Amino acid sequence: MISYFIRVIFKFLMAKKLVGLIAFVYFIKTSRIGKRKKYKILALSYERFRGELEILNKNQDIEINILPFSWQTRFINYFLKNEEKKLIGKTDSANKTNFKKFENFLILFLKTYYRFTKIDLVIGCAVHYKHDITWGKVSERIGIPYVVLHKECLYGSSGFIHDFKKQWLVGREKFQGRHVIVHNCIVRDLWVKNKFIKKENISVGGNMRMQDFIKKKPIKVKKIDLLFFSFAPGVGLSSMGLKMFPKKNKGFYNLSYNTHKVIFQYALKNPNKKVVIKTKWGDQWIRYLIDIAKKNKIEISKLKNLEIISDYKFNVHNLILSSDTIVGFNSTTVLESSIKNKNVIIPYFDEAKDKILKKYVFFHEYLKLFNIARSQQDLKQKIDKCLSKKSSDFSMTERKYVFSKYISPYDKNSINIQLNILLKILMKSKYEKRLS
């Protein structure tokens, strides 16, 4: 009832073009994380950040402000139809009437809103988030820098990179903000080479969330014997248009099914071993696991040594540090586990050996740095073998190199790098405003 009342009032204010009043309401809805500080930053789609806002907020000069996502999206929903929303960020939207109306309104609104809130800089966490693109672009146009701390930087296979260039970059507007910070050189070089962004507007800043993990030491007394990062049949295949759980026999269907089956069987036959399965989310993912177990006549509820964790907020790094042996596929957790000298097993059978799909196996040229299971039986043997060893036999120097290549520079402080970039942009912006 309350939300309906708010929508009615919002439409009335928009219809009457009461921009000042709308901006004041948005000012009231804007909240601050922590204390007041020198520089005020507004985080768009703030719930999609993965801890970066908390890290930034620890700096003595940076204050993080947030706006409820439902309020951030009201303007898009008011001006654009569902079909038009799909064109956000595409070159096809340039001359559309509703897009021009949307941008012209945002210019008026944001000028007033930023006067109320005293915002100095706007940040986003992905260059392709439709609800951030126009807001960020207009902010930049009216003199408030827009910076993206791009979080989706795992370009782990030749197949993904090929599809990305062909499908994502073609027909896309060039980045129109001030700067983008990415995790690695692969992303930076690909975007610059394909003219999505100018070289001077993008930096490799690493992944801030990895900084603390890199410093941590493995826990001496292991709490978990076998940790399995569950993967769905469509993992790493989004560029092919596949969902995480596509129809039967699509993607890595058999590989996923058979790997889960082996893990369940291991837990059943080794009740003295602690086994943890970490999923990316619950609901459908959990139903998928239950279905596999049932088809193999295994009752998950009776496996006292098995724990399934589906909460996305659970600290993955603590799981890795507490584990002996890790099984994973097409995931950053494979590399994260490797730099802690863990026994890492990658299942490489069924569709992973397919002529086409093997191009979508992440870190393919570096598989020699992991224990590779080439069949279900080999996976069983590899688990037993790894659990009998205290640490891996692979080169840590090479593992750190691969981690740096795909995830974050191992020997550089990513937090300091990104903070320095943001503070330089803030100081320059403040200086330019004083001159104008």
Protein backbone atom coordinates (compact mmCIF):
# COMPACT_ATOMS: atom_id res chain seq x y z
CA MET A 1 0.00 0.00 0.00
CA ILE A 2 2.81 2.41 0.96
CA SER A 3 4.82 1.60 -2.18
CA TYR A 4 1.73 2.19 -4.34
CA PHE A 5 1.20 5.57 -2.64
CA ILE A 6 4.85 6.50 -3.29
CA ARG A 7 4.56 5.56 -6.97
CA VAL A 8 1.46 7.72 -7.37
CA ILE A 9 3.16 10.73 -5.76
CA PHE A 10 6.30 10.17 -7.84
CA LYS A 11 4.33 10.15 -11.11
CA PHE A 12 2.51 13.31 -10.03
CA LEU A 13 5.78 15.13 -9.27
CA MET A 14 7.28 13.98 -12.57
CA ALA A 15 4.23 15.03 -14.53
CA LYS A 16 4.35 18.49 -12.95
CA LYS A 17 8.15 18.66 -13.55
CA LEU A 18 8.80 19.55 -9.91
CA VAL A 19 12.50 18.71 -10.22
CA GLY A 20 13.60 20.61 -7.12
CA LEU A 21 11.12 18.79 -4.88
CA ILE A 22 12.04 15.42 -6.40
CA ALA A 23 15.73 16.12 -5.80
CA PHE A 24 15.02 17.05 -2.18
CA VAL A 25 13.13 13.78 -1.61
CA TYR A 26 16.10 11.89 -3.09
CA PHE A 27 18.42 13.83 -0.79
CA ILE A 28 16.40 12.57 2.18
CA LYS A 29 16.54 8.99 0.85
CA THR A 30 20.34 9.16 0.50
CA SER A 31 22.23 7.70 3.45
CA ARG A 32 25.84 7.81 4.57
CA ILE A 33 28.01 4.84 5.55
CA GLY A 34 30.02 5.86 8.60
CA LYS A 35 31.19 9.35 9.56
CA ARG A 36 31.25 12.57 7.55
CA LYS A 37 34.52 13.05 5.69
CA LYS A 38 36.28 15.32 3.23
CA TYR A 39 35.14 13.72 -0.05
CA LYS A 40 31.59 12.50 -0.61
CA ILE A 41 31.19 9.58 -3.02
CA LEU A 42 27.85 8.23 -4.24
CA ALA A 43 27.85 4.48 -4.97
CA LEU A 44 25.39 3.39 -7.66
CA SER A 45 23.79 -0.07 -7.38
CA TYR A 46 25.59 -0.26 -4.05
CA GLU A 47 24.32 -3.72 -3.13
CA ARG A 48 26.25 -5.22 -6.04
CA PHE A 49 29.62 -4.23 -4.63
CA ARG A 50 31.37 -7.11 -2.87
CA GLY A 51 33.08 -5.40 0.04
CA GLU A 52 34.81 -2.59 -1.87
CA LEU A 53 32.64 0.10 -0.28
CA GLU A 54 33.61 -0.99 3.22
CA ILE A 55 37.27 -0.96 2.21
CA LEU A 56 37.04 2.52 0.68
CA ASN A 57 35.14 3.83 3.68
CA LYS A 58 38.09 2.99 5.94
CA ASN A 59 40.06 5.78 4.29
CA GLN A 60 40.10 8.92 6.43
CA ASP A 61 39.10 11.20 3.52
CA ILE A 62 36.44 9.15 1.71
CA GLU A 63 32.78 9.09 2.69
CA ILE A 64 30.45 6.61 0.98
CA ASN A 65 26.83 7.55 0.29
CA ILE A 66 24.16 5.19 -0.99
CA LEU A 67 20.70 5.43 -2.52
CA PRO A 68 18.13 2.60 -2.47
CA PHE A 69 18.23 0.78 -5.81
CA SER A 70 14.46 1.06 -6.19
CA TRP A 71 14.82 4.85 -6.12
CA GLN A 72 17.77 4.91 -8.49
CA THR A 73 15.72 3.01 -11.10
CA ARG A 74 12.51 5.05 -10.92
CA PHE A 75 13.56 7.45 -13.67
CA ILE A 76 14.45 4.67 -16.10
CA ASN A 77 11.11 3.01 -15.50
CA TYR A 78 9.32 6.33 -16.01
CA PHE A 79 10.97 7.34 -19.29
CA LEU A 80 11.81 4.06 -21.01
CA LYS A 81 9.75 1.08 -22.11
CA ASN A 82 11.00 -2.45 -21.49
CA GLU A 83 12.26 -2.84 -25.06
CA GLU A 84 14.07 0.48 -24.85
CA LYS A 85 15.84 -0.50 -21.63
CA LYS A 86 17.62 -3.24 -23.58
CA LEU A 87 19.26 -0.54 -25.72
CA ILE A 88 20.90 1.28 -22.81
CA GLY A 89 24.63 1.43 -23.48
CA LYS A 90 24.18 0.56 -27.16
CA THR A 91 24.91 2.91 -30.08
CA ASP A 92 21.32 2.30 -31.30
CA SER A 93 19.98 4.44 -28.45
CA ALA A 94 21.78 7.63 -29.49
CA ASN A 95 18.93 9.30 -31.40
CA LYS A 96 15.92 7.80 -29.63
CA THR A 97 13.43 10.43 -28.41
CA ASN A 98 12.77 8.86 -25.00
CA PHE A 99 16.48 8.54 -24.33
CA LYS A 100 16.97 12.24 -25.02
CA LYS A 101 14.08 13.09 -22.68
CA PHE A 102 15.57 10.80 -20.01
CA GLU A 103 19.03 12.39 -20.28
CA ASN A 104 17.70 15.95 -20.36
CA PHE A 105 15.68 15.29 -17.21
CA LEU A 106 18.69 13.74 -15.45
CA ILE A 107 20.77 16.81 -16.25
CA LEU A 108 18.27 19.04 -14.43
CA PHE A 109 17.68 16.57 -11.61
CA LEU A 110 21.29 15.68 -10.86
CA LYS A 111 22.45 19.31 -10.83
CA THR A 112 19.94 19.99 -8.05
CA TYR A 113 20.41 16.64 -6.29
CA TYR A 114 24.19 17.09 -6.14
CA ARG A 115 23.78 20.59 -4.72
CA PHE A 116 21.75 19.09 -1.87
CA THR A 117 24.00 16.11 -1.26
CA LYS A 118 27.38 17.79 -1.99
CA ILE A 119 28.49 14.70 -3.92
CA ASP A 120 32.04 14.96 -5.30
CA LEU A 121 32.27 11.73 -7.27
CA VAL A 122 30.05 8.85 -8.44
CA ILE A 123 31.20 5.22 -8.60
CA GLY A 124 29.77 2.05 -10.12
CA CYS A 125 30.92 -1.56 -10.00
CA ALA A 126 30.40 -2.60 -13.64
CA VAL A 127 30.50 -0.67 -16.90
CA HIS A 128 27.55 -2.58 -18.33
CA TYR A 129 25.00 -2.18 -15.52
CA LYS A 130 22.08 -0.61 -17.37
CA HIS A 131 20.76 1.27 -14.36
CA ASP A 132 24.13 3.01 -13.84
CA ILE A 133 25.16 3.92 -17.40
CA THR A 134 23.02 6.98 -18.05
CA TRP A 135 23.26 8.25 -14.47
CA GLY A 136 27.05 8.01 -14.64
CA LYS A 137 27.27 9.52 -18.13
CA VAL A 138 25.15 12.53 -17.19
CA SER A 139 27.05 13.00 -13.93
CA GLU A 140 30.27 13.24 -15.92
CA ARG A 141 28.67 15.67 -18.35
CA ILE A 142 27.68 18.09 -15.57
CA GLY A 143 31.09 17.99 -13.91
CA ILE A 144 30.83 15.18 -11.34
CA PRO A 145 33.41 12.47 -12.17
CA TYR A 146 32.05 8.97 -12.82
CA VAL A 147 34.44 6.12 -12.06
CA VAL A 148 33.77 2.40 -12.38
CA LEU A 149 35.55 -0.18 -10.21
CA HIS A 150 34.75 -2.97 -12.65
CA LYS A 151 34.29 -6.25 -10.78
CA GLU A 152 33.63 -8.75 -13.60
CA CYS A 153 37.17 -9.27 -14.84
CA LEU A 154 37.59 -13.03 -15.18
CA TYR A 155 38.27 -13.53 -18.88
CA GLY A 156 39.58 -17.02 -18.25
CA SER A 157 39.23 -18.80 -21.59
CA SER A 158 39.95 -18.18 -25.28
CA GLY A 159 36.32 -19.02 -26.08
CA PHE A 160 34.98 -16.41 -23.68
CA ILE A 161 37.32 -13.72 -25.06
CA HIS A 162 36.36 -14.56 -28.64
CA ASP A 163 32.64 -14.32 -27.88
CA PHE A 164 33.11 -11.17 -25.81
CA LYS A 165 34.77 -9.31 -28.68
CA LYS A 166 32.20 -10.51 -31.18
CA GLN A 167 29.04 -10.07 -29.12
CA TRP A 168 29.58 -7.62 -26.26
CA LEU A 169 31.87 -4.99 -27.76
CA VAL A 170 30.15 -4.72 -31.14
CA GLY A 171 27.51 -1.98 -31.22
CA ARG A 172 28.30 -0.74 -27.72
CA GLU A 173 28.77 2.91 -26.80
CA LYS A 174 32.27 3.86 -25.78
CA PHE A 175 32.71 4.40 -22.06
CA GLN A 176 31.67 7.97 -21.26
CA GLY A 177 32.79 8.30 -17.68
CA ARG A 178 36.05 9.61 -16.22
CA HIS A 179 37.89 6.39 -15.47
CA VAL A 180 37.61 2.62 -15.09
CA ILE A 181 39.70 0.47 -12.78
CA VAL A 182 39.95 -3.21 -13.75
CA HIS A 183 41.61 -6.16 -12.06
CA ASN A 184 44.09 -7.25 -14.72
CA CYS A 185 45.87 -6.42 -17.98
CA ILE A 186 43.76 -8.89 -19.99
CA VAL A 187 40.64 -6.75 -19.55
CA ARG A 188 42.44 -3.43 -20.01
CA ASP A 189 44.22 -4.45 -23.20
CA LEU A 190 41.12 -6.04 -24.74
CA TRP A 191 38.95 -2.96 -24.12
CA VAL A 192 41.59 -0.52 -25.38
CA LYS A 193 42.41 -2.58 -28.47
CA ASN A 194 38.72 -2.77 -29.40
CA LYS A 195 38.25 0.97 -28.76
CA PHE A 196 35.67 0.65 -26.00
CA ILE A 197 37.79 3.00 -23.89
CA LYS A 198 40.85 5.21 -24.30
CA LYS A 199 44.12 4.04 -22.78
CA GLU A 200 44.34 7.06 -20.49
CA ASN A 201 40.90 6.35 -19.01
CA ILE A 202 41.58 2.86 -17.72
CA SER A 203 43.95 1.45 -15.09
CA VAL A 204 44.84 -1.96 -13.71
CA GLY A 205 44.18 -1.70 -10.01
CA GLY A 206 43.80 -5.33 -9.01
CA ASN A 207 41.05 -6.67 -6.77
CA MET A 208 40.86 -4.91 -3.40
CA ARG A 209 39.10 -7.85 -1.78
CA MET A 210 42.13 -10.05 -2.46
CA GLN A 211 44.59 -7.83 -0.59
CA ASP A 212 43.76 -9.17 2.87
CA PHE A 213 43.55 -12.74 1.58
CA ILE A 214 47.01 -12.59 0.00
CA LYS A 215 48.50 -11.70 3.40
CA LYS A 216 46.70 -14.41 5.34
CA LYS A 217 48.39 -17.67 6.22
CA PRO A 218 46.68 -21.07 5.93
CA ILE A 219 45.22 -22.41 9.16
CA LYS A 220 47.50 -25.11 10.54
CA VAL A 221 44.72 -27.27 11.93
CA LYS A 222 42.41 -28.04 9.00
CA LYS A 223 38.68 -27.99 9.72
CA ILE A 224 37.62 -29.22 6.28
CA ASP A 225 39.11 -32.19 4.50
CA LEU A 226 37.47 -31.77 1.11
CA LEU A 227 36.02 -28.47 -0.14
CA PHE A 228 34.07 -28.55 -3.39
CA PHE A 229 33.11 -25.32 -5.13
CA SER A 230 29.98 -26.53 -6.87
CA PHE A 231 29.65 -25.57 -10.52
CA ALA A 232 26.57 -25.56 -12.74
CA PRO A 233 26.46 -26.91 -16.32
CA GLY A 234 26.54 -23.40 -17.79
CA VAL A 235 29.55 -22.10 -15.85
CA GLY A 236 31.85 -20.04 -18.05
CA LEU A 237 29.45 -20.29 -20.99
CA SER A 238 27.40 -17.11 -20.62
CA SER A 239 29.07 -15.73 -23.75
CA MET A 240 27.46 -18.61 -25.65
CA GLY A 241 24.06 -17.51 -24.41
CA LEU A 242 23.70 -20.37 -21.92
CA LYS A 243 22.19 -19.90 -18.48
CA MET A 244 23.84 -21.44 -15.43
CA PHE A 245 21.28 -24.25 -15.52
CA PRO A 246 20.51 -24.83 -19.20
CA LYS A 247 18.42 -27.65 -20.61
CA LYS A 248 19.66 -31.21 -20.21
CA ASN A 249 22.80 -32.14 -22.13
CA LYS A 250 23.75 -28.49 -22.73
CA GLY A 251 27.08 -27.02 -21.66
CA PHE A 252 29.13 -28.96 -19.11
CA TYR A 253 26.10 -31.04 -18.15
CA ASN A 254 27.76 -34.44 -17.72
CA LEU A 255 30.92 -32.98 -16.20
CA SER A 256 28.89 -31.16 -13.56
CA TYR A 257 26.63 -34.13 -12.86
CA ASN A 258 29.44 -36.68 -12.58
CA THR A 259 31.69 -34.46 -10.48
CA HIS A 260 28.90 -33.93 -7.95
CA LYS A 261 28.17 -37.65 -7.98
CA VAL A 262 31.79 -38.47 -7.10
CA ILE A 263 31.80 -35.92 -4.25
CA PHE A 264 28.57 -37.34 -2.79
CA GLN A 265 29.94 -40.90 -3.06
CA TYR A 266 33.17 -39.85 -1.37
CA ALA A 267 31.26 -38.29 1.54
CA LEU A 268 29.16 -41.45 1.86
CA LYS A 269 32.14 -43.82 1.90
CA ASN A 270 34.31 -41.65 4.16
CA PRO A 271 32.19 -40.63 7.16
CA ASN A 272 35.32 -39.60 9.08
CA LYS A 273 36.17 -36.93 6.48
CA LYS A 274 34.60 -33.48 6.64
CA VAL A 275 33.21 -32.53 3.22
CA VAL A 276 31.84 -29.07 2.36
CA ILE A 277 30.06 -28.10 -0.84
CA LYS A 278 29.84 -24.36 -1.53
CA THR A 279 27.19 -23.24 -4.03
CA LYS A 280 26.85 -19.74 -5.49
CA TRP A 281 23.25 -19.45 -4.33
CA GLY A 282 20.42 -21.54 -2.93
CA ASP A 283 16.97 -22.51 -4.27
CA GLN A 284 17.53 -23.89 -7.79
CA TRP A 285 21.14 -24.78 -7.04
CA ILE A 286 20.21 -26.78 -3.95
CA ARG A 287 17.42 -28.56 -5.85
CA TYR A 288 19.97 -29.46 -8.50
CA LEU A 289 22.24 -31.07 -5.87
CA ILE A 290 19.38 -32.94 -4.22
CA ASP A 291 18.27 -34.29 -7.59
CA ILE A 292 21.76 -35.65 -8.36
CA ALA A 293 21.98 -37.28 -4.94
CA LYS A 294 18.55 -38.90 -5.29
CA LYS A 295 19.39 -40.30 -8.73
CA ASN A 296 22.39 -41.99 -7.12
CA LYS A 297 20.34 -43.23 -4.14
CA ILE A 298 22.11 -40.99 -1.64
CA GLU A 299 20.20 -39.21 1.15
CA ILE A 300 22.03 -35.97 1.81
CA SER A 301 20.32 -35.47 5.18
CA LYS A 302 21.92 -38.67 6.48
CA LEU A 303 25.47 -37.59 5.60
CA LYS A 304 26.54 -36.05 8.91
CA ASN A 305 30.00 -35.30 7.55
CA LEU A 306 28.62 -33.29 4.61
CA GLU A 307 27.71 -29.60 4.77
CA ILE A 308 26.22 -27.58 1.92
CA ILE A 309 26.72 -23.82 2.13
CA SER A 310 24.68 -21.60 -0.14
CA ASP A 311 24.84 -18.20 1.54
CA TYR A 312 26.65 -15.87 -0.88
CA LYS A 313 27.77 -13.72 2.05
CA PHE A 314 29.76 -16.60 3.55
CA ASN A 315 33.51 -15.88 3.65
CA VAL A 316 34.93 -18.03 0.86
CA HIS A 317 38.51 -17.20 1.79
CA ASN A 318 38.07 -18.58 5.30
CA LEU A 319 36.75 -21.79 3.77
CA ILE A 320 39.83 -22.08 1.57
CA LEU A 321 42.21 -21.39 4.43
CA SER A 322 40.46 -24.00 6.58
CA SER A 323 40.55 -26.72 3.91
CA ASP A 324 42.96 -29.44 2.93
CA THR A 325 41.95 -30.25 -0.65
CA ILE A 326 39.82 -28.15 -3.01
CA VAL A 327 37.87 -29.22 -6.10
CA GLY A 328 36.74 -26.52 -8.53
CA PHE A 329 36.09 -25.75 -12.17
CA ASN A 330 35.97 -22.46 -14.12
CA SER A 331 36.22 -20.43 -10.94
CA THR A 332 38.56 -17.87 -9.38
CA THR A 333 38.57 -20.06 -6.27
CA VAL A 334 40.87 -22.45 -8.13
CA LEU A 335 43.56 -19.76 -8.37
CA GLU A 336 42.82 -18.36 -4.92
CA SER A 337 43.32 -21.80 -3.41
CA SER A 338 46.49 -22.37 -5.43
CA ILE A 339 48.41 -19.39 -4.00
CA LYS A 340 47.86 -20.85 -0.53
CA ASN A 341 49.72 -23.98 -1.63
CA LYS A 342 46.54 -26.04 -1.47
CA ASN A 343 45.95 -29.34 -3.22
CA VAL A 344 43.67 -28.20 -6.03
CA ILE A 345 41.83 -30.65 -8.28
CA ILE A 346 40.22 -29.65 -11.56
CA PRO A 347 37.84 -32.17 -13.18
CA TYR A 348 38.74 -32.39 -16.87
CA PHE A 349 36.63 -35.05 -18.52
CA ASP A 350 33.28 -35.44 -20.34
CA GLU A 351 32.47 -32.15 -22.18
CA ALA A 352 35.68 -30.47 -21.00
CA LYS A 353 37.48 -32.53 -23.65
CA ASP A 354 34.98 -31.62 -26.38
CA LYS A 355 36.54 -29.91 -29.42
CA ILE A 356 34.47 -26.76 -28.92
CA LEU A 357 33.81 -26.65 -25.19
CA LYS A 358 37.45 -27.17 -24.20
CA LYS A 359 38.00 -23.61 -25.49
CA TYR A 360 35.78 -22.48 -22.59
CA VAL A 361 37.78 -24.25 -19.88
CA PHE A 362 39.35 -21.51 -17.78
CA PHE A 363 43.14 -21.34 -17.38
CA HIS A 364 43.51 -24.09 -19.98
CA GLU A 365 47.14 -23.32 -20.78
CA TYR A 366 48.04 -23.54 -17.08
CA LEU A 367 46.36 -26.82 -16.16
CA LYS A 368 49.82 -28.27 -15.45
CA LEU A 369 49.79 -26.28 -12.20
CA PHE A 370 46.91 -28.32 -10.78
CA ASN A 371 45.88 -31.90 -10.16
CA ILE A 372 43.87 -32.77 -13.26
CA ALA A 373 41.25 -35.52 -12.96
CA ARG A 374 40.66 -37.00 -16.42
CA SER A 375 37.79 -39.31 -15.49
CA GLN A 376 35.42 -40.04 -12.63
CA GLN A 377 37.68 -42.79 -11.40
CA ASP A 378 40.71 -40.53 -11.66
CA LEU A 379 38.87 -37.88 -9.63
CA LYS A 380 38.31 -40.41 -6.84
CA GLN A 381 41.97 -41.35 -6.90
CA LYS A 382 43.13 -37.75 -7.00
CA ILE A 383 41.04 -36.92 -3.92
CA ASP A 384 42.58 -39.80 -1.96
CA LYS A 385 46.07 -38.89 -3.14
CA CYS A 386 45.72 -35.19 -2.30
CA LEU A 387 44.27 -35.86 1.14
CA SER A 388 47.33 -37.93 1.95
CA LYS A 389 49.63 -34.95 1.29
CA LYS A 390 50.08 -31.84 3.43
CA SER A 391 50.69 -29.45 0.53
CA SER A 392 50.89 -29.35 -3.25
CA ASP A 393 53.96 -30.20 -5.33
CA PHE A 394 53.50 -27.40 -7.84
CA SER A 395 55.54 -24.24 -8.41
CA MET A 396 54.27 -21.43 -6.21
CA THR A 397 56.07 -18.90 -8.39
CA GLU A 398 54.07 -20.00 -11.42
CA ARG A 399 50.84 -20.16 -9.45
CA LYS A 400 51.34 -16.59 -8.24
CA TYR A 401 52.01 -15.50 -11.81
CA VAL A 402 48.73 -17.01 -13.04
CA PHE A 403 46.87 -15.47 -10.09
CA SER A 404 48.33 -12.06 -11.02
CA LYS A 405 47.42 -12.54 -14.66
CA TYR A 406 43.75 -13.39 -14.14
CA ILE A 407 42.75 -12.06 -10.72
CA SER A 408 44.95 -9.43 -9.11
CA PRO A 409 48.65 -8.43 -8.99
CA TYR A 410 50.11 -10.59 -6.23
CA ASP A 411 52.96 -8.29 -5.24
CA LYS A 412 51.14 -4.94 -5.39
CA ASN A 413 48.78 -3.29 -2.92
CA SER A 414 45.49 -3.07 -4.80
CA ILE A 415 43.80 -1.01 -2.10
CA ASN A 416 46.46 1.69 -2.24
CA ILE A 417 46.47 1.71 -6.05
CA GLN A 418 42.71 2.25 -6.29
CA LEU A 419 42.59 4.77 -3.46
CA ASN A 420 45.35 6.83 -5.08
CA ILE A 421 43.49 6.86 -8.40
CA LEU A 422 40.24 7.97 -6.77
CA LEU A 423 41.88 10.62 -4.61
CA LYS A 424 43.77 12.09 -7.60
CA ILE A 425 40.52 12.35 -9.56
CA LEU A 426 38.78 13.93 -6.57
CA MET A 427 41.53 16.49 -5.96
CA LYS A 428 41.73 17.41 -9.65
CA SER A 429 37.95 17.80 -9.85
CA LYS A 430 37.89 20.03 -6.76
CA TYR A 431 40.69 22.17 -8.21
CA GLU A 432 38.91 22.56 -11.56
CA LYS A 433 35.70 23.62 -9.81
CA ARG A 434 37.54 26.33 -7.89
CA LEU A 435 38.95 27.69 -11.15
CA SER A 436 35.58 27.70 -12.93
